[in-house]
């Protein structure tokens, strides 16, 4: 899944999550802010890659 265009692989170190993960930009959903909780953090460079991937999926790049 991490190899799909726009998806971003996240190491435990990068994301502060308990295991390696993938930001899957092809499965975007909306959710109410009240249902969210902070479980990790991303460095700005990884966030930029995710935002670029979202732009790819939406056809804005």
N, C-alpha and C. Protein backbone atom coordinates (compact mmCIF):
# COMPACT_ATOMS: atom_id res chain seq x y z
N UNK A 1 0.82 -1.19 0.00
CA UNK A 1 0.00 0.00 0.00
C UNK A 1 0.87 1.25 0.00
N UNK A 2 2.00 1.22 0.69
CA UNK A 2 2.87 2.38 0.73
C UNK A 2 3.44 2.74 -0.63
N UNK A 3 3.42 1.80 -1.55
CA UNK A 3 3.98 2.04 -2.88
C UNK A 3 3.00 2.73 -3.81
N UNK A 4 1.74 2.83 -3.44
CA UNK A 4 0.74 3.49 -4.28
C UNK A 4 1.07 4.97 -4.42
N UNK A 5 0.80 5.55 -5.60
CA UNK A 5 1.11 6.97 -5.81
C UNK A 5 0.43 7.86 -4.76
N UNK A 6 1.22 8.73 -4.16
CA UNK A 6 0.69 9.66 -3.18
C UNK A 6 0.73 9.18 -1.75
N UNK A 7 0.74 7.86 -1.53
CA UNK A 7 0.79 7.34 -0.17
C UNK A 7 2.18 7.59 0.43
N UNK A 8 2.23 7.76 1.75
CA UNK A 8 3.49 8.09 2.42
C UNK A 8 3.73 7.09 3.54
N UNK A 9 4.88 6.42 3.47
CA UNK A 9 5.26 5.50 4.55
C UNK A 9 5.77 6.30 5.74
N UNK A 10 5.36 5.88 6.94
CA UNK A 10 5.74 6.57 8.16
C UNK A 10 6.39 5.59 9.12
N UNK A 11 7.61 5.88 9.51
CA UNK A 11 8.29 5.04 10.49
C UNK A 11 7.77 5.37 11.89
N UNK A 12 8.06 4.50 12.83
CA UNK A 12 7.67 4.77 14.22
C UNK A 12 8.34 6.06 14.68
N UNK A 13 9.57 6.23 14.28
CA UNK A 13 10.33 7.42 14.68
C UNK A 13 9.72 8.70 14.11
N UNK A 14 9.32 8.67 12.83
CA UNK A 14 8.73 9.85 12.19
C UNK A 14 7.38 10.22 12.77
N UNK A 15 6.56 9.22 13.04
CA UNK A 15 5.16 9.48 13.39
C UNK A 15 4.87 9.43 14.89
N UNK A 16 5.79 8.86 15.66
CA UNK A 16 5.57 8.64 17.09
C UNK A 16 4.41 7.68 17.34
N UNK A 17 4.13 6.83 16.35
CA UNK A 17 3.12 5.77 16.49
C UNK A 17 3.82 4.49 16.93
N UNK A 18 3.07 3.52 17.47
CA UNK A 18 3.71 2.31 17.99
C UNK A 18 4.31 1.40 16.92
N UNK A 19 3.93 1.56 15.65
CA UNK A 19 4.51 0.72 14.60
C UNK A 19 4.53 1.47 13.27
N UNK A 20 5.26 0.91 12.31
CA UNK A 20 5.33 1.50 10.98
C UNK A 20 3.94 1.63 10.40
N UNK A 21 3.66 2.73 9.72
CA UNK A 21 2.32 2.99 9.19
C UNK A 21 2.42 3.59 7.80
N UNK A 22 1.26 3.73 7.16
CA UNK A 22 1.17 4.37 5.85
C UNK A 22 0.03 5.38 5.88
N UNK A 23 0.31 6.59 5.41
CA UNK A 23 -0.76 7.57 5.20
C UNK A 23 -1.35 7.26 3.84
N UNK A 24 -2.55 6.71 3.82
CA UNK A 24 -3.21 6.28 2.59
C UNK A 24 -4.09 7.42 2.08
N UNK A 25 -3.55 8.19 1.15
CA UNK A 25 -4.26 9.38 0.67
C UNK A 25 -5.39 9.06 -0.30
N UNK A 26 -5.52 7.81 -0.72
CA UNK A 26 -6.59 7.45 -1.66
C UNK A 26 -7.89 7.13 -0.95
N UNK A 27 -7.89 7.07 0.37
CA UNK A 27 -9.11 6.76 1.11
C UNK A 27 -9.43 7.88 2.10
N UNK A 28 -9.73 9.05 1.55
CA UNK A 28 -10.04 10.20 2.38
C UNK A 28 -11.48 10.12 2.87
N UNK A 29 -11.68 10.47 4.13
CA UNK A 29 -13.03 10.54 4.71
C UNK A 29 -13.10 11.80 5.58
N UNK A 30 -14.31 12.26 5.82
CA UNK A 30 -14.49 13.38 6.74
C UNK A 30 -14.91 12.84 8.09
N UNK A 31 -14.50 13.54 9.13
CA UNK A 31 -14.83 13.12 10.49
C UNK A 31 -14.94 14.37 11.35
N UNK A 32 -15.85 14.35 12.29
CA UNK A 32 -16.03 15.47 13.20
C UNK A 32 -14.81 15.61 14.11
N UNK A 33 -14.34 16.83 14.31
CA UNK A 33 -13.17 17.09 15.16
C UNK A 33 -13.33 16.54 16.57
N UNK A 34 -14.54 16.54 17.07
CA UNK A 34 -14.79 16.04 18.43
C UNK A 34 -14.45 14.57 18.58
N UNK A 35 -14.39 13.83 17.48
CA UNK A 35 -14.10 12.39 17.54
C UNK A 35 -12.61 12.10 17.40
N UNK A 36 -11.80 13.12 17.20
CA UNK A 36 -10.37 12.93 17.00
C UNK A 36 -9.60 12.99 18.31
N UNK A 37 -8.49 12.27 18.35
CA UNK A 37 -7.56 12.38 19.46
C UNK A 37 -6.14 12.30 18.89
N UNK A 38 -5.21 12.94 19.53
CA UNK A 38 -3.82 12.94 19.08
C UNK A 38 -3.19 11.61 19.46
N UNK A 39 -2.66 10.89 18.45
CA UNK A 39 -1.99 9.62 18.72
C UNK A 39 -0.55 9.63 18.24
N UNK A 40 -0.17 10.65 17.50
CA UNK A 40 1.18 10.76 16.99
C UNK A 40 1.42 12.16 16.46
N UNK A 41 2.61 12.38 15.98
CA UNK A 41 2.97 13.68 15.41
C UNK A 41 3.84 13.44 14.18
N UNK A 42 3.73 14.36 13.22
CA UNK A 42 4.52 14.25 12.00
C UNK A 42 5.47 15.43 11.86
N UNK A 43 6.67 15.16 11.37
CA UNK A 43 7.55 16.28 11.04
C UNK A 43 6.98 17.02 9.82
N UNK A 44 7.23 18.31 9.71
CA UNK A 44 6.68 19.09 8.59
C UNK A 44 6.96 18.49 7.22
N UNK A 45 8.12 17.90 7.01
CA UNK A 45 8.45 17.33 5.70
C UNK A 45 7.51 16.18 5.34
N UNK A 46 7.16 15.33 6.32
CA UNK A 46 6.23 14.22 6.06
C UNK A 46 4.83 14.75 5.80
N UNK A 47 4.42 15.78 6.54
CA UNK A 47 3.10 16.37 6.31
C UNK A 47 3.02 16.95 4.90
N UNK A 48 4.08 17.59 4.44
CA UNK A 48 4.10 18.12 3.08
C UNK A 48 3.95 17.01 2.04
N UNK A 49 4.60 15.86 2.27
CA UNK A 49 4.45 14.73 1.35
C UNK A 49 3.01 14.24 1.31
N UNK A 50 2.37 14.19 2.46
CA UNK A 50 0.96 13.76 2.53
C UNK A 50 0.06 14.75 1.80
N UNK A 51 0.27 16.03 2.04
CA UNK A 51 -0.54 17.05 1.35
C UNK A 51 -0.32 16.99 -0.16
N UNK A 52 0.91 16.74 -0.58
CA UNK A 52 1.19 16.58 -2.02
C UNK A 52 0.43 15.37 -2.57
N UNK A 53 0.43 14.27 -1.82
CA UNK A 53 -0.31 13.08 -2.24
C UNK A 53 -1.80 13.35 -2.37
N UNK A 54 -2.36 14.11 -1.45
CA UNK A 54 -3.78 14.46 -1.53
C UNK A 54 -4.04 15.29 -2.78
N UNK A 55 -3.14 16.24 -3.07
CA UNK A 55 -3.28 17.02 -4.30
C UNK A 55 -3.26 16.13 -5.53
N UNK A 56 -2.40 15.10 -5.54
CA UNK A 56 -2.36 14.16 -6.66
C UNK A 56 -3.70 13.45 -6.83
N UNK A 57 -4.25 12.96 -5.73
CA UNK A 57 -5.52 12.22 -5.77
C UNK A 57 -6.65 13.13 -6.26
N UNK A 58 -6.63 14.39 -5.83
CA UNK A 58 -7.69 15.32 -6.23
C UNK A 58 -7.47 15.92 -7.61
N UNK A 59 -6.33 15.56 -8.24
CA UNK A 59 -6.05 16.05 -9.59
C UNK A 59 -5.59 17.49 -9.62
N UNK A 60 -5.04 17.98 -8.52
CA UNK A 60 -4.58 19.37 -8.47
C UNK A 60 -3.10 19.48 -8.78
N UNK A 61 -2.43 18.39 -9.13
CA UNK A 61 -0.99 18.42 -9.51
C UNK A 61 -0.79 17.53 -10.69
